[in-house]
């Protein structure tokens, strides 16, 4: 019995093939090459609707803002905008992508612990929903460049320790993000002295891949000790399942607990912003590879035609995945390290993976790669960054083309 519970919801077995959104992965490998990011468009739209509906059901004054950093592509943003999602951007680059995709500026929130002059100018010129003030230098820049009232939120560092990878935790006392509680009153006073700053609320974000909902409740209690505002942006960070044994809260559970904490600690008459990234897009994507070599030494290494050029999750955070050899459903399984083609010992997609009789030329599908893999794709060893293909109702369409060798040298000045 093949377990497809980690794969996008429309995934089905079709003989020796897998289909996503009614599209053959074998055909996608032929038509678009490998590696390739595959997105279940129906699941993406459904997940966006679920987020909006569940939060609106619990708190009518809710807005969902997709964390663009988790998949900064106009192809994704355009779909989410059609579904009524807002956007959380980091800096002018992500802002420009969101605007190019047709996002409504009024639904955009800009973050950044070190915003440049260009970032602040771009946000002001676009008339976005909120600039999130991360420190006193942001205040100075807004005062310098704004000639009309700019709506802002103040990011608070709650100084709490969350259970996640250290590199994914952003709410500790040592974090580079936001202002510590003892500096919040002076920051509020400073902003209220600037005529062009319209401070409307507070923002907090404690990290990513968080599976314990009580941690979100704790941070709301911290905010409740501060002055009351009309807007609370509670960030994102809800975790997802990467492996069969993982347990992750549902969107419904998350919405109920987060809004419940807001109502208990602060009240029910404030606007609520939530910024899902990983939990919105990770489960709707997979990466399709072809096996290049199988090497048996002191360990078994199964190497594919991608690797850390398109998935840095293991290298950076030690995250493992549950890959599947397509078509070898009932064959003998081996334990192997699934590695990439890059000249780096750390080029590992997942270690100690259970793979069914892998052979050179086989296709391997790695689920739950819809977040941060496209984001951090790179040109290590002059690899070409993969395309993004959307699958829906039997039609596979390209959202982002594969890089070309000409792209690699396009910026060279000789």
Protein backbone atom coordinates (compact mmCIF):
# COMPACT_ATOMS: atom_id res chain seq x y z
CA UNK A 1 0.00 0.00 0.00
CA UNK A 2 1.55 3.31 -1.10
CA UNK A 3 1.01 6.16 1.36
CA UNK A 4 0.27 9.38 -0.53
CA UNK A 5 -0.83 11.39 2.51
CA UNK A 6 2.16 13.75 2.24
CA UNK A 7 1.56 14.43 -1.44
CA UNK A 8 -0.70 17.16 -2.85
CA UNK A 9 -4.37 16.21 -2.37
CA UNK A 10 -5.12 15.42 -6.02
CA UNK A 11 -2.24 12.93 -6.29
CA UNK A 12 -3.26 9.48 -7.53
CA UNK A 13 -1.52 6.33 -8.72
CA UNK A 14 -2.06 5.48 -12.39
CA UNK A 15 -0.36 2.16 -13.10
CA UNK A 16 3.38 2.85 -12.99
CA UNK A 17 2.80 6.60 -12.89
CA UNK A 18 1.65 9.31 -10.50
CA UNK A 19 -0.82 11.99 -11.44
CA UNK A 20 -1.16 15.41 -9.81
CA UNK A 21 -4.14 17.52 -10.77
CA UNK A 22 -4.89 14.88 -13.37
CA UNK A 23 -1.46 15.38 -14.97
CA UNK A 24 1.03 12.56 -15.49
CA UNK A 25 4.36 13.14 -13.74
CA UNK A 26 6.03 11.00 -16.37
CA UNK A 27 4.68 13.31 -19.06
CA UNK A 28 5.75 16.37 -17.08
CA UNK A 29 9.29 14.99 -16.86
CA UNK A 30 9.26 14.49 -20.63
CA UNK A 31 7.75 17.86 -21.51
CA UNK A 32 9.46 20.09 -18.97
CA UNK A 33 12.54 18.11 -17.93
CA UNK A 34 13.82 17.46 -14.42
CA UNK A 35 14.26 18.69 -11.81
CA UNK A 36 10.92 20.49 -11.85
CA UNK A 37 8.72 22.05 -9.18
CA UNK A 38 5.15 20.77 -9.55
CA UNK A 39 2.25 22.67 -7.96
CA UNK A 40 -1.25 21.29 -7.42
CA UNK A 41 -3.18 24.43 -8.39
CA UNK A 42 -6.53 23.13 -7.19
CA UNK A 43 -5.03 22.38 -3.78
CA UNK A 44 -3.37 25.80 -3.63
CA UNK A 45 -6.66 27.56 -4.29
CA UNK A 46 -8.48 25.31 -1.86
CA UNK A 47 -5.94 25.92 0.89
CA UNK A 48 -6.16 29.69 0.41
CA UNK A 49 -9.95 29.53 0.66
CA UNK A 50 -9.72 27.35 3.76
CA UNK A 51 -7.43 29.87 5.46
CA UNK A 52 -9.77 32.76 4.69
CA UNK A 53 -12.93 30.88 5.64
CA UNK A 54 -11.61 29.43 8.90
CA UNK A 55 -10.27 32.72 10.19
CA UNK A 56 -13.33 34.71 9.05
CA UNK A 57 -15.54 32.16 10.78
CA UNK A 58 -13.72 32.68 14.07
CA UNK A 59 -13.02 36.41 13.69
CA UNK A 60 -14.81 38.35 10.94
CA UNK A 61 -12.20 41.12 10.94
CA UNK A 62 -9.40 38.82 9.74
CA UNK A 63 -7.10 39.17 6.76
CA UNK A 64 -4.79 36.46 5.42
CA UNK A 65 -1.50 37.78 4.03
CA UNK A 66 0.66 35.22 2.22
CA UNK A 67 4.33 35.35 3.25
CA UNK A 68 5.80 35.93 -0.20
CA UNK A 69 9.29 34.89 0.92
CA UNK A 70 8.10 31.26 1.03
CA UNK A 71 7.46 31.26 -2.75
CA UNK A 72 8.32 34.64 -4.33
CA UNK A 73 6.86 34.02 -7.77
CA UNK A 74 4.29 36.11 -9.62
CA UNK A 75 2.74 32.83 -10.80
CA UNK A 76 1.81 31.89 -7.21
CA UNK A 77 0.92 35.41 -6.12
CA UNK A 78 -1.49 35.90 -9.02
CA UNK A 79 -3.47 32.80 -8.04
CA UNK A 80 -3.61 33.77 -4.37
CA UNK A 81 -4.67 37.32 -5.24
CA UNK A 82 -7.55 35.85 -7.27
CA UNK A 83 -8.62 33.96 -4.14
CA UNK A 84 -8.67 37.13 -2.02
CA UNK A 85 -5.38 36.69 -0.17
CA UNK A 86 -3.22 39.66 0.84
CA UNK A 87 0.57 39.63 0.95
CA UNK A 88 3.47 40.00 3.35
CA UNK A 89 6.63 41.13 1.56
CA UNK A 90 10.19 41.61 2.72
CA UNK A 91 11.75 44.57 0.98
CA UNK A 92 11.27 46.31 -2.33
CA UNK A 93 12.14 43.24 -4.43
CA UNK A 94 9.27 41.10 -3.17
CA UNK A 95 7.00 44.15 -3.28
CA UNK A 96 7.72 44.67 -6.96
CA UNK A 97 7.02 41.00 -7.72
CA UNK A 98 3.70 41.21 -5.88
CA UNK A 99 2.67 44.38 -7.69
CA UNK A 100 3.67 42.91 -11.05
CA UNK A 101 1.43 39.91 -10.27
CA UNK A 102 -1.55 42.19 -9.73
CA UNK A 103 -1.68 42.27 -5.92
CA UNK A 104 -3.75 45.10 -4.46
CA UNK A 105 -1.25 47.43 -2.69
CA UNK A 106 -3.77 47.99 0.11
CA UNK A 107 -3.49 44.30 1.05
CA UNK A 108 0.32 44.34 1.31
CA UNK A 109 2.38 44.48 4.49
CA UNK A 110 6.15 45.12 4.29
CA UNK A 111 8.61 43.56 6.72
CA UNK A 112 12.38 43.73 7.05
CA UNK A 113 14.78 44.02 9.95
CA UNK A 114 17.09 46.24 7.90
CA UNK A 115 15.00 48.16 5.39
CA UNK A 116 16.94 50.35 3.00
CA UNK A 117 16.00 53.77 1.68
CA UNK A 118 14.78 52.02 -1.49
CA UNK A 119 12.56 49.67 0.52
CA UNK A 120 10.87 52.49 2.41
CA UNK A 121 10.48 54.67 -0.68
CA UNK A 122 8.98 51.78 -2.65
CA UNK A 123 6.46 51.02 0.11
CA UNK A 124 5.45 54.66 0.44
CA UNK A 125 5.17 55.19 -3.33
CA UNK A 126 3.00 52.07 -3.71
CA UNK A 127 0.66 53.14 -0.88
CA UNK A 128 0.75 49.69 0.69
CA UNK A 129 -1.44 48.64 3.61
CA UNK A 130 1.22 48.74 6.33
CA UNK A 131 4.93 49.21 6.80
CA UNK A 132 6.07 47.14 9.77
CA UNK A 133 8.46 49.25 11.80
CA UNK A 134 11.26 46.99 12.99
CA UNK A 135 13.40 49.59 14.74
CA UNK A 136 14.11 53.28 15.20
CA UNK A 137 15.91 53.59 11.85
CA UNK A 138 12.66 52.67 10.08
CA UNK A 139 10.98 55.56 11.87
CA UNK A 140 13.71 57.95 10.76
CA UNK A 141 13.43 56.84 7.14
CA UNK A 142 9.65 57.15 7.03
CA UNK A 143 9.94 60.63 8.53
CA UNK A 144 12.49 61.54 5.86
CA UNK A 145 10.68 60.21 2.81
CA UNK A 146 6.95 60.43 3.55
CA UNK A 147 4.94 63.52 2.70
CA UNK A 148 1.59 62.11 3.77
CA UNK A 149 0.33 59.83 6.54
CA UNK A 150 1.76 56.30 6.30
CA UNK A 151 0.00 53.46 8.14
CA UNK A 152 2.45 51.39 10.19
CA UNK A 153 2.61 48.54 12.66
CA UNK A 154 5.32 48.14 15.30
CA UNK A 155 7.06 44.77 15.47
CA UNK A 156 7.52 43.58 19.01
CA UNK A 157 10.09 41.01 20.10
CA UNK A 158 8.30 38.96 22.77
CA UNK A 159 11.47 37.31 24.11
CA UNK A 160 10.05 33.80 24.13
CA UNK A 161 11.73 30.55 23.14
CA UNK A 162 9.84 28.42 20.65
CA UNK A 163 10.25 24.77 19.76
CA UNK A 164 11.67 24.77 16.25
CA UNK A 165 15.07 24.86 14.55
CA UNK A 166 17.22 27.69 15.92
CA UNK A 167 17.50 29.29 12.48
CA UNK A 168 13.69 29.40 12.22
CA UNK A 169 13.07 31.06 15.60
CA UNK A 170 12.49 34.81 15.42
CA UNK A 171 10.89 35.75 18.73
CA UNK A 172 13.69 35.17 21.24
CA UNK A 173 15.41 37.89 23.25
CA UNK A 174 18.46 37.50 21.00
CA UNK A 175 16.52 37.82 17.74
CA UNK A 176 17.47 40.50 15.23
CA UNK A 177 13.78 41.15 14.57
CA UNK A 178 11.59 43.76 16.24
CA UNK A 179 12.02 45.80 19.38
CA UNK A 180 12.19 44.36 22.90
CA UNK A 181 9.31 45.10 25.23
CA UNK A 182 11.24 47.70 27.22
CA UNK A 183 11.83 49.79 24.07
CA UNK A 184 8.24 49.67 22.83
CA UNK A 185 6.96 52.72 24.80
CA UNK A 186 9.73 54.97 23.52
CA UNK A 187 9.20 53.74 19.95
CA UNK A 188 5.48 54.48 20.21
CA UNK A 189 6.22 57.94 21.58
CA UNK A 190 8.71 58.62 18.79
CA UNK A 191 6.26 57.57 16.08
CA UNK A 192 3.49 59.71 17.53
CA UNK A 193 5.78 62.72 17.29
CA UNK A 194 6.07 62.25 13.51
CA UNK A 195 3.07 63.76 11.65
CA UNK A 196 3.48 61.42 8.66
CA UNK A 197 3.38 58.21 10.72
CA UNK A 198 0.02 56.64 11.49
CA UNK A 199 0.68 53.93 14.07
CA UNK A 200 -2.29 51.56 13.93
CA UNK A 201 -1.15 48.41 15.68
CA UNK A 202 1.37 45.82 16.76
CA UNK A 203 3.06 42.99 14.93
CA UNK A 204 4.74 39.83 16.18
CA UNK A 205 6.18 36.74 14.52
CA UNK A 206 7.86 34.05 16.60
CA UNK A 207 9.24 31.73 13.93
CA UNK A 208 8.51 29.03 11.40
CA UNK A 209 7.60 25.31 11.39
CA UNK A 210 5.92 25.61 14.80
CA UNK A 211 3.75 22.63 15.69
CA UNK A 212 2.67 23.53 19.23
CA UNK A 213 -0.26 25.96 19.14
CA UNK A 214 0.22 26.97 22.76
CA UNK A 215 3.28 28.90 21.68
CA UNK A 216 1.12 31.25 19.60
CA UNK A 217 -1.19 31.73 22.57
CA UNK A 218 1.75 32.69 24.77
CA UNK A 219 2.81 35.50 22.47
CA UNK A 220 -0.70 36.98 22.38
CA UNK A 221 -0.58 37.17 26.17
CA UNK A 222 2.67 39.14 25.89
CA UNK A 223 1.09 41.66 23.52
CA UNK A 224 -1.88 42.03 25.88
CA UNK A 225 0.41 43.64 28.46
CA UNK A 226 1.06 46.55 26.10
CA UNK A 227 -1.09 49.47 25.04
CA UNK A 228 -4.22 48.48 23.13
CA UNK A 229 -4.47 49.06 19.38
CA UNK A 230 -6.97 48.51 16.58
CA UNK A 231 -4.79 46.15 14.54
CA UNK A 232 -2.84 43.04 15.55
CA UNK A 233 -0.66 41.19 13.07
CA UNK A 234 0.22 37.86 14.69
CA UNK A 235 2.55 36.71 11.91
CA UNK A 236 2.64 33.15 10.66
CA UNK A 237 4.73 30.12 11.47
CA UNK A 238 2.31 27.18 11.52
CA UNK A 239 4.24 23.98 10.78
CA UNK A 240 3.44 21.19 8.33
CA UNK A 241 4.04 17.44 8.05
CA UNK A 242 7.24 16.50 6.20
CA UNK A 243 7.44 12.87 7.30
CA UNK A 244 4.85 10.16 7.86
CA UNK A 245 5.16 10.31 11.65
CA UNK A 246 4.86 14.10 11.86
CA UNK A 247 1.77 15.62 13.43
CA UNK A 248 0.71 19.13 12.53
CA UNK A 249 -2.35 21.15 13.56
CA UNK A 250 -5.02 21.80 10.95
CA UNK A 251 -5.77 25.29 9.66
CA UNK A 252 -9.08 25.09 11.54
CA UNK A 253 -7.35 24.26 14.84
CA UNK A 254 -4.84 27.05 14.29
CA UNK A 255 -7.56 29.60 13.54
CA UNK A 256 -9.60 28.59 16.57
CA UNK A 257 -6.69 28.73 19.00
CA UNK A 258 -5.18 31.96 17.64
CA UNK A 259 -8.45 33.89 17.52
CA UNK A 260 -9.43 32.42 20.87
CA UNK A 261 -6.26 33.81 22.40
CA UNK A 262 -6.90 37.18 20.79
CA UNK A 263 -10.45 37.33 22.16
CA UNK A 264 -9.39 36.22 25.62
CA UNK A 265 -6.33 38.41 26.02
CA UNK A 266 -7.13 41.48 23.93
CA UNK A 267 -10.75 41.43 22.77
CA UNK A 268 -12.80 40.81 19.68
CA UNK A 269 -12.97 44.34 18.26
CA UNK A 270 -9.55 44.55 16.57
CA UNK A 271 -8.46 43.77 13.02
CA UNK A 272 -6.43 40.56 12.84
CA UNK A 273 -3.72 39.86 10.26
CA UNK A 274 -2.16 36.42 9.87
CA UNK A 275 0.78 35.67 7.58
CA UNK A 276 0.93 32.00 6.54
CA UNK A 277 3.75 30.98 4.24
CA UNK A 278 4.97 27.41 4.64
CA UNK A 279 1.60 26.14 5.87
CA UNK A 280 -0.16 27.58 2.82
CA UNK A 281 2.14 26.40 0.03
CA UNK A 282 4.45 23.62 1.26
CA UNK A 283 1.86 20.79 1.08
CA UNK A 284 0.67 21.68 -2.43
CA UNK A 285 4.08 21.25 -4.09
CA UNK A 286 6.50 18.48 -4.94
CA UNK A 287 9.83 18.27 -6.74
CA UNK A 288 10.34 15.73 -9.49
CA UNK A 289 13.87 14.38 -10.12
CA UNK A 290 15.51 11.69 -12.21
CA UNK A 291 18.05 9.30 -10.67
CA UNK A 292 21.51 9.83 -12.15
CA UNK A 293 23.51 7.25 -10.23
CA UNK A 294 23.20 4.64 -7.47
CA UNK A 295 26.38 4.08 -5.50
CA UNK A 296 26.84 1.39 -2.86
CA UNK A 297 29.85 1.84 -0.57
CA UNK A 298 29.71 1.95 3.21
CA UNK A 299 26.30 3.53 2.56
CA UNK A 300 23.94 3.56 -0.36
CA UNK A 301 23.79 6.87 -2.19
CA UNK A 302 21.02 7.59 -4.66
CA UNK A 303 21.94 10.75 -6.55
CA UNK A 304 19.47 12.77 -8.59
CA UNK A 305 19.80 15.55 -11.15
CA UNK A 306 19.05 18.27 -8.62
CA UNK A 307 19.92 18.72 -4.96
CA UNK A 308 20.96 21.71 -2.90
CA UNK A 309 20.55 23.91 -5.97
CA UNK A 310 16.79 23.49 -5.61
CA UNK A 311 16.36 22.31 -2.00
CA UNK A 312 18.44 23.74 0.83
CA UNK A 313 16.09 22.63 3.60
CA UNK A 314 18.23 19.69 4.72
CA UNK A 315 21.52 21.57 4.42
CA UNK A 316 20.27 24.59 6.39
CA UNK A 317 17.79 23.08 8.84
CA UNK A 318 18.37 19.33 8.81
CA UNK A 319 14.89 18.78 7.41
CA UNK A 320 14.22 15.30 6.03
CA UNK A 321 11.65 14.38 3.41
CA UNK A 322 9.73 11.27 2.31
CA UNK A 323 10.70 10.63 -1.35
CA UNK A 324 8.92 8.10 -3.54
CA UNK A 325 10.36 6.16 -6.49
CA UNK A 326 7.65 6.39 -9.12
CA UNK A 327 6.34 3.09 -10.46
CA UNK A 328 8.19 0.72 -8.11
CA UNK A 329 5.27 0.44 -5.74
CA UNK A 330 5.72 -3.09 -4.42
CA UNK A 331 9.43 -3.70 -4.95
CA UNK A 332 12.12 -4.34 -2.37
CA UNK A 333 12.99 -1.31 -0.31
CA UNK A 334 16.46 -0.05 0.56
CA UNK A 335 17.63 2.59 3.00
CA UNK A 336 19.73 5.19 1.23
CA UNK A 337 20.85 8.78 1.37
CA UNK A 338 19.07 10.76 -1.33
CA UNK A 339 21.71 13.21 -2.51
CA UNK A 340 22.22 15.72 -5.28
CA UNK A 341 24.67 16.28 -8.12
CA UNK A 342 26.49 19.25 -6.59
CA UNK A 343 30.15 19.08 -5.59
CA UNK A 344 29.52 19.52 -1.89
CA UNK A 345 29.39 16.96 0.92
CA UNK A 346 26.39 18.76 2.35
CA UNK A 347 24.39 18.26 -0.83
CA UNK A 348 21.78 16.00 0.74
CA UNK A 349 18.04 16.08 0.10
CA UNK A 350 17.24 13.59 2.81
CA UNK A 351 19.26 11.04 4.74
CA UNK A 352 18.30 7.44 5.54
CA UNK A 353 15.38 7.49 3.13
CA UNK A 354 13.44 4.32 2.41
CA UNK A 355 13.36 3.89 -1.37
CA UNK A 356 11.82 1.13 -3.46
CA UNK A 357 14.51 -0.55 -5.59
CA UNK A 358 15.98 2.64 -7.09
CA UNK A 359 17.58 2.42 -10.56
CA UNK A 360 19.35 4.92 -12.78
CA UNK A 361 16.72 6.69 -14.89
CA UNK A 362 13.88 6.26 -12.39
CA UNK A 363 11.78 9.28 -11.43
CA UNK A 364 11.68 10.30 -7.79
CA UNK A 365 9.00 12.59 -6.36
CA UNK A 366 9.76 14.51 -3.16
CA UNK A 367 6.59 15.93 -1.55
CA UNK A 368 6.12 19.00 0.65
CA UNK A 369 8.58 21.17 -1.27
CA UNK A 370 6.15 23.99 -2.04
CA UNK A 371 7.79 26.36 0.45
CA UNK A 372 11.30 27.83 0.45
CA UNK A 373 12.75 25.40 -2.13
CA UNK A 374 11.96 27.68 -5.08
CA UNK A 375 12.86 30.64 -2.86
CA UNK A 376 16.41 29.47 -2.18
CA UNK A 377 17.12 27.81 -5.52
CA UNK A 378 20.56 28.75 -6.78
CA UNK A 379 23.24 28.16 -9.40
CA UNK A 380 25.72 26.02 -7.49
CA UNK A 381 28.02 24.37 -10.07
CA UNK A 382 26.25 26.51 -12.69
CA UNK A 383 23.10 24.41 -12.35
CA UNK A 384 20.01 25.81 -14.03
CA UNK A 385 17.18 26.70 -11.69
CA UNK A 386 14.12 24.50 -12.29
CA UNK A 387 10.82 25.53 -13.85
CA UNK A 388 7.53 25.71 -11.98
CA UNK A 389 4.65 23.75 -13.48
CA UNK A 390 1.04 24.09 -12.36
CA UNK A 391 -1.33 21.13 -12.68
CA UNK A 392 -5.08 21.48 -12.78
CA UNK A 393 -7.85 19.41 -14.34
CA UNK A 394 -5.45 17.46 -16.51
CA UNK A 395 -3.63 20.49 -17.89
CA UNK A 396 0.01 21.16 -17.02
CA UNK A 397 1.13 24.72 -17.62
CA UNK A 398 4.43 26.43 -17.00
CA UNK A 399 4.43 29.28 -14.49
CA UNK A 400 8.18 29.85 -14.42
CA UNK A 401 10.49 28.64 -17.19
CA UNK A 402 13.73 26.79 -16.58
CA UNK A 403 16.86 28.90 -16.61
CA UNK A 404 19.05 28.70 -19.70
CA UNK A 405 22.80 28.69 -20.06
CA UNK A 406 22.48 32.16 -21.56
CA UNK A 407 20.81 33.31 -18.34
CA UNK A 408 23.91 32.23 -16.43
CA UNK A 409 26.15 34.64 -18.28
CA UNK A 410 23.61 37.39 -18.99
CA UNK A 411 24.92 39.60 -16.17
CA UNK A 412 28.60 39.06 -16.94
CA UNK A 413 30.53 42.10 -18.12
CA UNK A 414 33.61 41.09 -20.13
